ModelCIF file with pLDDT and N, C-alpha, C, O atoms, coordinates in Angstrom:
data_MODEL
#
_entry.id   MODEL 
#
_entity.id                         1 
_entity.type                       polymer 
_entity.pdbx_number_of_molecules   1 
#
_entity_poly.entity_id                      1 
_entity_poly.type                           'polypeptide(L)' 
_entity_poly.nstd_linkage                   no 
_entity_poly.nstd_monomer                   no 
_entity_poly.pdbx_seq_one_letter_code       RSIVSPISGTTRDAIDMIVTRGDRTYRLIDTAGIR 
_entity_poly.pdbx_seq_one_letter_code_can   RSIVSPISGTTRDAIDMIVTRGDRTYRLIDTAGIR 
_entity_poly.pdbx_strand_id                 A 
#
loop_
_entity_poly_seq.entity_id 
_entity_poly_seq.num 
_entity_poly_seq.mon_id 
_entity_poly_seq.hetero 
1 1  ARG n 
1 2  SER n 
1 3  ILE n 
1 4  VAL n 
1 5  SER n 
1 6  PRO n 
1 7  ILE n 
1 8  SER n 
1 9  GLY n 
1 10 THR n 
1 11 THR n 
1 12 ARG n 
1 13 ASP n 
1 14 ALA n 
1 15 ILE n 
1 16 ASP n 
1 17 MET n 
1 18 ILE n 
1 19 VAL n 
1 20 THR n 
1 21 ARG n 
1 22 GLY n 
1 23 ASP n 
1 24 ARG n 
1 25 THR n 
1 26 TYR n 
1 27 ARG n 
1 28 LEU n 
1 29 ILE n 
1 30 ASP n 
1 31 THR n 
1 32 ALA n 
1 33 GLY n 
1 34 ILE n 
1 35 ARG n 
#
_struct_asym.id          A 
_struct_asym.entity_id   1 
#
loop_
_ma_qa_metric.id 
_ma_qa_metric.mode 
_ma_qa_metric.name 
_ma_qa_metric.software_group_id 
_ma_qa_metric.type 
1 global pLDDT . pLDDT 
2 local  pLDDT . pLDDT 
#
_ma_qa_metric_global.metric_id      1 
_ma_qa_metric_global.metric_value   62.20 
_ma_qa_metric_global.model_id       1 
_ma_qa_metric_global.ordinal_id     1 
#
loop_
_ma_qa_metric_local.label_asym_id 
_ma_qa_metric_local.label_comp_id 
_ma_qa_metric_local.label_seq_id 
_ma_qa_metric_local.metric_id 
_ma_qa_metric_local.metric_value 
_ma_qa_metric_local.model_id 
_ma_qa_metric_local.ordinal_id 
A ARG 1  2 47.00 1 1  
A SER 2  2 49.00 1 2  
A ILE 3  2 44.00 1 3  
A VAL 4  2 45.00 1 4  
A SER 5  2 42.00 1 5  
A PRO 6  2 42.00 1 6  
A ILE 7  2 39.00 1 7  
A SER 8  2 38.00 1 8  
A GLY 9  2 40.00 1 9  
A THR 10 2 43.00 1 10 
A THR 11 2 42.00 1 11 
A ARG 12 2 43.00 1 12 
A ASP 13 2 49.00 1 13 
A ALA 14 2 50.00 1 14 
A ILE 15 2 58.00 1 15 
A ASP 16 2 69.00 1 16 
A MET 17 2 75.00 1 17 
A ILE 18 2 77.00 1 18 
A VAL 19 2 82.00 1 19 
A THR 20 2 82.00 1 20 
A ARG 21 2 84.00 1 21 
A GLY 22 2 82.00 1 22 
A ASP 23 2 81.00 1 23 
A ARG 24 2 85.00 1 24 
A THR 25 2 85.00 1 25 
A TYR 26 2 87.00 1 26 
A ARG 27 2 85.00 1 27 
A LEU 28 2 86.00 1 28 
A ILE 29 2 82.00 1 29 
A ASP 30 2 74.00 1 30 
A THR 31 2 74.00 1 31 
A ALA 32 2 60.00 1 32 
A GLY 33 2 52.00 1 33 
A ILE 34 2 54.00 1 34 
A ARG 35 2 50.00 1 35 
#
loop_
_atom_site.group_PDB 
_atom_site.id 
_atom_site.type_symbol 
_atom_site.label_atom_id 
_atom_site.label_alt_id 
_atom_site.label_comp_id 
_atom_site.label_asym_id 
_atom_site.label_entity_id 
_atom_site.label_seq_id 
_atom_site.pdbx_PDB_ins_code 
_atom_site.Cartn_x 
_atom_site.Cartn_y 
_atom_site.Cartn_z 
_atom_site.occupancy 
_atom_site.B_iso_or_equiv 
_atom_site.pdbx_formal_charge 
_atom_site.auth_seq_id 
_atom_site.auth_comp_id 
_atom_site.auth_asym_id 
_atom_site.auth_atom_id 
_atom_site.pdbx_PDB_model_num 
ATOM 1   N N  . ARG A 1 1  ? 2.507   21.856 -3.858  1.00 47.00 ? 1  ARG A N  1 
ATOM 2   C CA . ARG A 1 1  ? 1.899   22.923 -4.638  1.00 47.00 ? 1  ARG A CA 1 
ATOM 3   C C  . ARG A 1 1  ? 2.941   23.746 -5.387  1.00 47.00 ? 1  ARG A C  1 
ATOM 4   O O  . ARG A 1 1  ? 2.686   24.188 -6.507  1.00 47.00 ? 1  ARG A O  1 
ATOM 5   N N  . SER A 1 2  ? 4.110   23.959 -4.785  1.00 49.00 ? 2  SER A N  1 
ATOM 6   C CA . SER A 1 2  ? 5.186   24.689 -5.444  1.00 49.00 ? 2  SER A CA 1 
ATOM 7   C C  . SER A 1 2  ? 6.434   23.817 -5.489  1.00 49.00 ? 2  SER A C  1 
ATOM 8   O O  . SER A 1 2  ? 6.632   22.961 -4.627  1.00 49.00 ? 2  SER A O  1 
ATOM 9   N N  . ILE A 1 3  ? 7.266   24.035 -6.487  1.00 44.00 ? 3  ILE A N  1 
ATOM 10  C CA . ILE A 1 3  ? 8.493   23.272 -6.635  1.00 44.00 ? 3  ILE A CA 1 
ATOM 11  C C  . ILE A 1 3  ? 9.448   23.665 -5.514  1.00 44.00 ? 3  ILE A C  1 
ATOM 12  O O  . ILE A 1 3  ? 9.733   24.848 -5.326  1.00 44.00 ? 3  ILE A O  1 
ATOM 13  N N  . VAL A 1 4  ? 9.948   22.670 -4.762  1.00 45.00 ? 4  VAL A N  1 
ATOM 14  C CA . VAL A 1 4  ? 10.881  22.917 -3.671  1.00 45.00 ? 4  VAL A CA 1 
ATOM 15  C C  . VAL A 1 4  ? 12.239  22.393 -4.081  1.00 45.00 ? 4  VAL A C  1 
ATOM 16  O O  . VAL A 1 4  ? 12.354  21.246 -4.515  1.00 45.00 ? 4  VAL A O  1 
ATOM 17  N N  . SER A 1 5  ? 13.271  23.211 -3.951  1.00 42.00 ? 5  SER A N  1 
ATOM 18  C CA . SER A 1 5  ? 14.614  22.835 -4.359  1.00 42.00 ? 5  SER A CA 1 
ATOM 19  C C  . SER A 1 5  ? 15.618  23.541 -3.463  1.00 42.00 ? 5  SER A C  1 
ATOM 20  O O  . SER A 1 5  ? 15.357  24.662 -3.027  1.00 42.00 ? 5  SER A O  1 
ATOM 21  N N  . PRO A 1 6  ? 16.765  22.918 -3.171  1.00 42.00 ? 6  PRO A N  1 
ATOM 22  C CA . PRO A 1 6  ? 17.797  23.601 -2.388  1.00 42.00 ? 6  PRO A CA 1 
ATOM 23  C C  . PRO A 1 6  ? 18.523  24.672 -3.182  1.00 42.00 ? 6  PRO A C  1 
ATOM 24  O O  . PRO A 1 6  ? 19.334  25.407 -2.618  1.00 42.00 ? 6  PRO A O  1 
ATOM 25  N N  . ILE A 1 7  ? 18.252  24.779 -4.481  1.00 39.00 ? 7  ILE A N  1 
ATOM 26  C CA . ILE A 1 7  ? 18.906  25.791 -5.309  1.00 39.00 ? 7  ILE A CA 1 
ATOM 27  C C  . ILE A 1 7  ? 18.203  27.127 -5.124  1.00 39.00 ? 7  ILE A C  1 
ATOM 28  O O  . ILE A 1 7  ? 16.996  27.238 -5.338  1.00 39.00 ? 7  ILE A O  1 
ATOM 29  N N  . SER A 1 8  ? 18.969  28.146 -4.722  1.00 38.00 ? 8  SER A N  1 
ATOM 30  C CA . SER A 1 8  ? 18.381  29.464 -4.500  1.00 38.00 ? 8  SER A CA 1 
ATOM 31  C C  . SER A 1 8  ? 17.781  29.990 -5.790  1.00 38.00 ? 8  SER A C  1 
ATOM 32  O O  . SER A 1 8  ? 18.413  29.918 -6.844  1.00 38.00 ? 8  SER A O  1 
ATOM 33  N N  . GLY A 1 9  ? 16.550  30.525 -5.715  1.00 40.00 ? 9  GLY A N  1 
ATOM 34  C CA . GLY A 1 9  ? 15.921  31.127 -6.885  1.00 40.00 ? 9  GLY A CA 1 
ATOM 35  C C  . GLY A 1 9  ? 15.012  30.204 -7.651  1.00 40.00 ? 9  GLY A C  1 
ATOM 36  O O  . GLY A 1 9  ? 14.694  30.495 -8.804  1.00 40.00 ? 9  GLY A O  1 
ATOM 37  N N  . THR A 1 10 ? 14.568  29.080 -7.056  1.00 43.00 ? 10 THR A N  1 
ATOM 38  C CA . THR A 1 10 ? 13.705  28.141 -7.775  1.00 43.00 ? 10 THR A CA 1 
ATOM 39  C C  . THR A 1 10 ? 12.370  28.763 -8.131  1.00 43.00 ? 10 THR A C  1 
ATOM 40  O O  . THR A 1 10 ? 11.903  28.617 -9.260  1.00 43.00 ? 10 THR A O  1 
ATOM 41  N N  . THR A 1 11 ? 11.742  29.461 -7.179  1.00 42.00 ? 11 THR A N  1 
ATOM 42  C CA . THR A 1 11 ? 10.454  30.100 -7.454  1.00 42.00 ? 11 THR A CA 1 
ATOM 43  C C  . THR A 1 11 ? 10.712  31.452 -8.108  1.00 42.00 ? 11 THR A C  1 
ATOM 44  O O  . THR A 1 11 ? 11.280  32.351 -7.487  1.00 42.00 ? 11 THR A O  1 
ATOM 45  N N  . ARG A 1 12 ? 10.295  31.591 -9.356  1.00 43.00 ? 12 ARG A N  1 
ATOM 46  C CA . ARG A 1 12 ? 10.553  32.830 -10.086 1.00 43.00 ? 12 ARG A CA 1 
ATOM 47  C C  . ARG A 1 12 ? 9.331   33.712 -10.198 1.00 43.00 ? 12 ARG A C  1 
ATOM 48  O O  . ARG A 1 12 ? 9.461   34.936 -10.232 1.00 43.00 ? 12 ARG A O  1 
ATOM 49  N N  . ASP A 1 13 ? 8.154   33.131 -10.257 1.00 49.00 ? 13 ASP A N  1 
ATOM 50  C CA . ASP A 1 13 ? 6.948   33.915 -10.410 1.00 49.00 ? 13 ASP A CA 1 
ATOM 51  C C  . ASP A 1 13 ? 6.178   33.919 -9.099  1.00 49.00 ? 13 ASP A C  1 
ATOM 52  O O  . ASP A 1 13 ? 6.445   33.102 -8.217  1.00 49.00 ? 13 ASP A O  1 
ATOM 53  N N  . ALA A 1 14 ? 5.226   34.834 -8.967  1.00 50.00 ? 14 ALA A N  1 
ATOM 54  C CA . ALA A 1 14 ? 4.330   34.816 -7.821  1.00 50.00 ? 14 ALA A CA 1 
ATOM 55  C C  . ALA A 1 14 ? 3.260   33.761 -8.083  1.00 50.00 ? 14 ALA A C  1 
ATOM 56  O O  . ALA A 1 14 ? 2.543   33.841 -9.081  1.00 50.00 ? 14 ALA A O  1 
ATOM 57  N N  . ILE A 1 15 ? 3.147   32.771 -7.191  1.00 58.00 ? 15 ILE A N  1 
ATOM 58  C CA . ILE A 1 15 ? 2.292   31.608 -7.412  1.00 58.00 ? 15 ILE A CA 1 
ATOM 59  C C  . ILE A 1 15 ? 1.075   31.702 -6.511  1.00 58.00 ? 15 ILE A C  1 
ATOM 60  O O  . ILE A 1 15 ? 1.220   31.781 -5.291  1.00 58.00 ? 15 ILE A O  1 
ATOM 61  N N  . ASP A 1 16 ? -0.122  31.695 -7.084  1.00 69.00 ? 16 ASP A N  1 
ATOM 62  C CA . ASP A 1 16 ? -1.363  31.753 -6.315  1.00 69.00 ? 16 ASP A CA 1 
ATOM 63  C C  . ASP A 1 16 ? -1.924  30.352 -6.099  1.00 69.00 ? 16 ASP A C  1 
ATOM 64  O O  . ASP A 1 16 ? -1.929  29.517 -7.003  1.00 69.00 ? 16 ASP A O  1 
ATOM 65  N N  . MET A 1 17 ? -2.392  30.121 -4.884  1.00 75.00 ? 17 MET A N  1 
ATOM 66  C CA . MET A 1 17 ? -3.015  28.847 -4.548  1.00 75.00 ? 17 MET A CA 1 
ATOM 67  C C  . MET A 1 17 ? -4.278  29.124 -3.744  1.00 75.00 ? 17 MET A C  1 
ATOM 68  O O  . MET A 1 17 ? -4.229  29.840 -2.744  1.00 75.00 ? 17 MET A O  1 
ATOM 69  N N  . ILE A 1 18 ? -5.398  28.571 -4.167  1.00 77.00 ? 18 ILE A N  1 
ATOM 70  C CA . ILE A 1 18 ? -6.659  28.746 -3.447  1.00 77.00 ? 18 ILE A CA 1 
ATOM 71  C C  . ILE A 1 18 ? -6.817  27.605 -2.449  1.00 77.00 ? 18 ILE A C  1 
ATOM 72  O O  . ILE A 1 18 ? -6.773  26.433 -2.823  1.00 77.00 ? 18 ILE A O  1 
ATOM 73  N N  . VAL A 1 19 ? -7.000  27.953 -1.175  1.00 82.00 ? 19 VAL A N  1 
ATOM 74  C CA . VAL A 1 19 ? -7.165  26.969 -0.112  1.00 82.00 ? 19 VAL A CA 1 
ATOM 75  C C  . VAL A 1 19 ? -8.447  27.297 0.649   1.00 82.00 ? 19 VAL A C  1 
ATOM 76  O O  . VAL A 1 19 ? -8.700  28.456 0.977   1.00 82.00 ? 19 VAL A O  1 
ATOM 77  N N  . THR A 1 20 ? -9.245  26.284 0.926   1.00 82.00 ? 20 THR A N  1 
ATOM 78  C CA . THR A 1 20 ? -10.486 26.463 1.675   1.00 82.00 ? 20 THR A CA 1 
ATOM 79  C C  . THR A 1 20 ? -10.378 25.741 3.005   1.00 82.00 ? 20 THR A C  1 
ATOM 80  O O  . THR A 1 20 ? -9.953  24.587 3.065   1.00 82.00 ? 20 THR A O  1 
ATOM 81  N N  . ARG A 1 21 ? -10.769 26.436 4.083   1.00 84.00 ? 21 ARG A N  1 
ATOM 82  C CA . ARG A 1 21 ? -10.813 25.827 5.416   1.00 84.00 ? 21 ARG A CA 1 
ATOM 83  C C  . ARG A 1 21 ? -12.126 26.240 6.067   1.00 84.00 ? 21 ARG A C  1 
ATOM 84  O O  . ARG A 1 21 ? -12.312 27.407 6.415   1.00 84.00 ? 21 ARG A O  1 
ATOM 85  N N  . GLY A 1 22 ? -13.035 25.282 6.233   1.00 82.00 ? 22 GLY A N  1 
ATOM 86  C CA . GLY A 1 22 ? -14.369 25.615 6.727   1.00 82.00 ? 22 GLY A CA 1 
ATOM 87  C C  . GLY A 1 22 ? -15.075 26.502 5.717   1.00 82.00 ? 22 GLY A C  1 
ATOM 88  O O  . GLY A 1 22 ? -15.162 26.165 4.536   1.00 82.00 ? 22 GLY A O  1 
ATOM 89  N N  . ASP A 1 23 ? -15.586 27.649 6.191   1.00 81.00 ? 23 ASP A N  1 
ATOM 90  C CA . ASP A 1 23 ? -16.259 28.576 5.292   1.00 81.00 ? 23 ASP A CA 1 
ATOM 91  C C  . ASP A 1 23 ? -15.344 29.719 4.862   1.00 81.00 ? 23 ASP A C  1 
ATOM 92  O O  . ASP A 1 23 ? -15.818 30.706 4.300   1.00 81.00 ? 23 ASP A O  1 
ATOM 93  N N  . ARG A 1 24 ? -14.041 29.602 5.116   1.00 85.00 ? 24 ARG A N  1 
ATOM 94  C CA . ARG A 1 24 ? -13.085 30.657 4.803   1.00 85.00 ? 24 ARG A CA 1 
ATOM 95  C C  . ARG A 1 24 ? -12.192 30.230 3.650   1.00 85.00 ? 24 ARG A C  1 
ATOM 96  O O  . ARG A 1 24 ? -11.692 29.106 3.627   1.00 85.00 ? 24 ARG A O  1 
ATOM 97  N N  . THR A 1 25 ? -11.992 31.131 2.690   1.00 85.00 ? 25 THR A N  1 
ATOM 98  C CA . THR A 1 25 ? -11.142 30.857 1.537   1.00 85.00 ? 25 THR A CA 1 
ATOM 99  C C  . THR A 1 25 ? -9.910  31.750 1.584   1.00 85.00 ? 25 THR A C  1 
ATOM 100 O O  . THR A 1 25 ? -10.005 32.943 1.873   1.00 85.00 ? 25 THR A O  1 
ATOM 101 N N  . TYR A 1 26 ? -8.758  31.163 1.297   1.00 87.00 ? 26 TYR A N  1 
ATOM 102 C CA . TYR A 1 26 ? -7.493  31.889 1.309   1.00 87.00 ? 26 TYR A CA 1 
ATOM 103 C C  . TYR A 1 26 ? -6.849  31.782 -0.073  1.00 87.00 ? 26 TYR A C  1 
ATOM 104 O O  . TYR A 1 26 ? -6.873  30.728 -0.709  1.00 87.00 ? 26 TYR A O  1 
ATOM 105 N N  . ARG A 1 27 ? -6.279  32.888 -0.516  1.00 85.00 ? 27 ARG A N  1 
ATOM 106 C CA . ARG A 1 27 ? -5.441  32.868 -1.719  1.00 85.00 ? 27 ARG A CA 1 
ATOM 107 C C  . ARG A 1 27 ? -3.996  33.018 -1.239  1.00 85.00 ? 27 ARG A C  1 
ATOM 108 O O  . ARG A 1 27 ? -3.577  34.104 -0.837  1.00 85.00 ? 27 ARG A O  1 
ATOM 109 N N  . LEU A 1 28 ? -3.240  31.918 -1.284  1.00 86.00 ? 28 LEU A N  1 
ATOM 110 C CA . LEU A 1 28 ? -1.852  31.920 -0.841  1.00 86.00 ? 28 LEU A CA 1 
ATOM 111 C C  . LEU A 1 28 ? -0.949  32.242 -2.026  1.00 86.00 ? 28 LEU A C  1 
ATOM 112 O O  . LEU A 1 28 ? -1.047  31.612 -3.079  1.00 86.00 ? 28 LEU A O  1 
ATOM 113 N N  . ILE A 1 29 ? -0.080  33.216 -1.852  1.00 82.00 ? 29 ILE A N  1 
ATOM 114 C CA . ILE A 1 29 ? 0.770   33.696 -2.944  1.00 82.00 ? 29 ILE A CA 1 
ATOM 115 C C  . ILE A 1 29 ? 2.225   33.446 -2.567  1.00 82.00 ? 29 ILE A C  1 
ATOM 116 O O  . ILE A 1 29 ? 2.784   34.158 -1.733  1.00 82.00 ? 29 ILE A O  1 
ATOM 117 N N  . ASP A 1 30 ? 2.841   32.431 -3.182  1.00 74.00 ? 30 ASP A N  1 
ATOM 118 C CA . ASP A 1 30 ? 4.269   32.165 -2.988  1.00 74.00 ? 30 ASP A CA 1 
ATOM 119 C C  . ASP A 1 30 ? 5.038   33.068 -3.942  1.00 74.00 ? 30 ASP A C  1 
ATOM 120 O O  . ASP A 1 30 ? 4.617   33.278 -5.080  1.00 74.00 ? 30 ASP A O  1 
ATOM 121 N N  . THR A 1 31 ? 6.159   33.599 -3.485  1.00 74.00 ? 31 THR A N  1 
ATOM 122 C CA . THR A 1 31 ? 6.899   34.571 -4.293  1.00 74.00 ? 31 THR A CA 1 
ATOM 123 C C  . THR A 1 31 ? 8.371   34.200 -4.370  1.00 74.00 ? 31 THR A C  1 
ATOM 124 O O  . THR A 1 31 ? 8.868   33.375 -3.603  1.00 74.00 ? 31 THR A O  1 
ATOM 125 N N  . ALA A 1 32 ? 9.055   34.834 -5.319  1.00 60.00 ? 32 ALA A N  1 
ATOM 126 C CA . ALA A 1 32 ? 10.495  34.655 -5.439  1.00 60.00 ? 32 ALA A CA 1 
ATOM 127 C C  . ALA A 1 32 ? 11.192  35.249 -4.220  1.00 60.00 ? 32 ALA A C  1 
ATOM 128 O O  . ALA A 1 32 ? 10.734  36.241 -3.653  1.00 60.00 ? 32 ALA A O  1 
ATOM 129 N N  . GLY A 1 33 ? 12.311  34.630 -3.820  1.00 52.00 ? 33 GLY A N  1 
ATOM 130 C CA . GLY A 1 33 ? 13.120  35.193 -2.748  1.00 52.00 ? 33 GLY A CA 1 
ATOM 131 C C  . GLY A 1 33 ? 13.674  36.548 -3.160  1.00 52.00 ? 33 GLY A C  1 
ATOM 132 O O  . GLY A 1 33 ? 14.154  36.710 -4.282  1.00 52.00 ? 33 GLY A O  1 
ATOM 133 N N  . ILE A 1 34 ? 13.610  37.519 -2.259  1.00 54.00 ? 34 ILE A N  1 
ATOM 134 C CA . ILE A 1 34 ? 14.012  38.883 -2.585  1.00 54.00 ? 34 ILE A CA 1 
ATOM 135 C C  . ILE A 1 34 ? 15.431  39.131 -2.070  1.00 54.00 ? 34 ILE A C  1 
ATOM 136 O O  . ILE A 1 34 ? 15.667  39.170 -0.862  1.00 54.00 ? 34 ILE A O  1 
ATOM 137 N N  . ARG A 1 35 ? 16.369  39.297 -3.003  1.00 50.00 ? 35 ARG A N  1 
ATOM 138 C CA . ARG A 1 35 ? 17.762  39.534 -2.647  1.00 50.00 ? 35 ARG A CA 1 
ATOM 139 C C  . ARG A 1 35 ? 18.070  41.029 -2.668  1.00 50.00 ? 35 ARG A C  1 
ATOM 140 O O  . ARG A 1 35 ? 19.201  41.430 -2.393  1.00 50.00 ? 35 ARG A O  1 
#
């Protein structure tokens, strides 16, 4: 779902992902590493 890289700082924006499990919905937000 998100680009994975050993280079620090790959994820620059906050990334939303909608995931459903049973009758529950989750919005997963991947974010940039905070230095």
